Protein backbone atom coordinates (compact mmCIF):
# COMPACT_ATOMS: atom_id res chain seq x y z
CA VAL A 1 102.66 105.93 107.22
CA GLN A 2 99.76 104.37 105.33
CA LEU A 3 96.16 103.98 106.39
CA VAL A 4 93.87 102.22 103.92
CA GLU A 5 90.15 101.95 104.62
CA SER A 6 87.79 99.41 103.11
CA GLY A 7 84.38 97.89 103.69
CA GLY A 8 82.08 100.76 102.86
CA GLY A 9 79.05 100.48 100.62
CA LEU A 10 75.32 100.92 100.27
CA VAL A 11 73.15 99.39 102.98
CA GLN A 12 69.51 99.66 103.97
CA PRO A 13 68.46 101.22 107.27
CA GLY A 14 68.89 98.71 110.06
CA GLY A 15 71.69 96.96 108.24
CA ALA A 16 75.31 96.45 109.20
CA LEU A 17 78.78 97.01 107.80
CA ARG A 18 82.29 96.38 109.06
CA LEU A 19 84.95 98.86 108.08
CA SER A 20 88.64 97.99 108.12
CA CYS A 21 91.70 100.21 108.24
CA ALA A 22 94.91 98.43 107.28
CA THR A 23 98.01 100.20 108.50
CA SER A 24 101.72 100.18 107.74
CA GLY A 25 104.81 102.28 108.22
CA PHE A 26 104.61 102.83 111.97
CA THR A 27 104.46 100.93 115.25
CA PHE A 28 100.78 100.08 115.32
CA SER A 29 100.78 98.62 118.83
CA SER A 30 102.02 101.89 120.33
CA ASN A 31 99.37 104.08 118.78
CA ALA A 32 95.78 104.93 119.52
CA MET A 33 93.54 104.86 116.46
CA SER A 34 90.34 106.68 115.59
CA TRP A 35 87.50 106.64 113.12
CA TYR A 36 86.04 109.92 111.90
CA ARG A 37 83.25 110.60 109.45
CA GLN A 38 82.40 113.46 107.17
CA ALA A 39 78.88 113.89 105.88
CA PRO A 40 78.18 115.98 102.76
CA GLY A 41 78.60 119.66 103.51
CA LYS A 42 79.84 119.06 107.06
CA GLY A 43 83.16 118.87 108.84
CA ARG A 44 84.87 115.77 110.13
CA ALA A 45 83.42 114.34 113.32
CA LEU A 46 84.99 111.84 115.69
CA VAL A 47 83.07 108.56 115.74
CA ALA A 48 85.20 106.27 117.91
CA SER A 49 88.69 105.89 119.32
CA ILE A 50 90.66 103.00 120.72
CA GLY A 51 93.91 103.18 122.66
CA SER A 52 96.94 100.96 122.44
CA PRO A 53 96.52 97.53 124.07
CA GLY A 54 95.83 97.84 127.77
CA ALA A 55 94.64 101.40 127.55
CA ILE A 56 91.34 102.71 128.89
CA ARG A 57 88.18 101.56 127.21
CA PRO A 58 87.21 102.92 123.79
CA TYR A 59 85.44 106.22 123.23
CA TYR A 60 82.23 106.52 121.20
CA ALA A 61 80.32 109.54 120.05
CA ASP A 62 76.87 109.72 121.61
CA SER A 63 75.25 109.27 118.21
CA VAL A 64 76.80 105.81 117.71
CA GLN A 65 77.04 104.53 121.29
CA GLY A 66 75.52 101.06 121.51
CA ARG A 67 75.47 100.57 117.74
CA PHE A 68 79.13 100.80 116.69
CA THR A 69 82.12 98.87 118.04
CA ILE A 70 85.76 99.75 117.44
CA SER A 71 88.40 97.06 117.74
CA ARG A 72 91.97 96.34 116.68
CA ASP A 73 94.04 93.37 115.61
CA GLU A 74 97.68 93.74 116.61
CA VAL A 75 98.84 90.92 114.33
CA LYS A 76 97.12 92.29 111.25
CA LYS A 77 97.85 95.91 112.28
CA THR A 78 94.27 96.71 111.43
CA VAL A 79 91.55 98.66 113.18
CA TYR A 80 87.89 97.85 112.61
CA LEU A 81 84.58 99.61 113.01
CA GLN A 82 81.58 97.31 113.28
CA MET A 83 78.47 99.32 112.52
CA ASN A 84 75.07 97.86 113.38
CA ASP A 85 71.54 99.23 113.12
CA LEU A 86 72.66 101.78 110.57
CA LYS A 87 70.57 104.89 110.03
CA PRO A 88 70.36 107.32 107.10
CA GLU A 89 72.15 109.92 109.23
CA ASP A 90 75.17 107.61 109.37
CA THR A 91 75.75 108.30 105.67
CA ALA A 92 79.24 109.76 105.32
CA VAL A 93 82.80 109.15 104.24
CA TYR A 94 84.48 107.26 107.06
CA LEU A 95 88.15 107.99 107.65
CA CYS A 96 90.80 106.26 109.70
CA TYR A 97 93.10 108.50 111.77
CA ALA A 98 96.27 108.00 113.79
CA PRO A 99 96.22 110.96 116.20
CA ALA A 100 99.84 110.85 117.34
CA LEU A 101 101.00 110.79 113.75
CA THR A 102 98.36 113.20 112.43
CA SER A 103 97.87 110.80 109.53
CA TRP A 104 94.62 110.20 107.66
CA GLY A 105 93.40 107.55 105.29
CA ARG A 106 91.50 108.48 102.13
CA GLY A 107 88.20 107.22 103.47
CA THR A 108 85.47 104.82 102.48
CA GLN A 109 81.92 105.83 101.57
CA VAL A 110 79.02 104.52 103.63
CA THR A 111 75.53 105.18 102.31
CA VAL A 112 72.46 104.17 104.28
CA SER A 113 69.35 104.34 102.15
CA SER A 114 66.29 102.34 101.23
């Protein structure tokens, strides 16, 4: 199982980024996927989750509801996190997670600062 995140970077408040998590080594279409984040000195926190195709609608943490959108591409076996209206408190390492497989990516750093 491999989960490889990309798309992080430095962005000003109010800006946007799209994170990608490319997957391999398992049946992507059968698995729910999640994005977590870990800010400096804090534990990992669930940001958003998306089920397998046809599942119930995605879950979002209250802090990102209305600003972030999780999606998945079954052909590319990739899960995305579109992040809009970014705030300094969104600064963290963002990690991709496959709950049923208890597998984590290494993460991608997102820094929101002027």
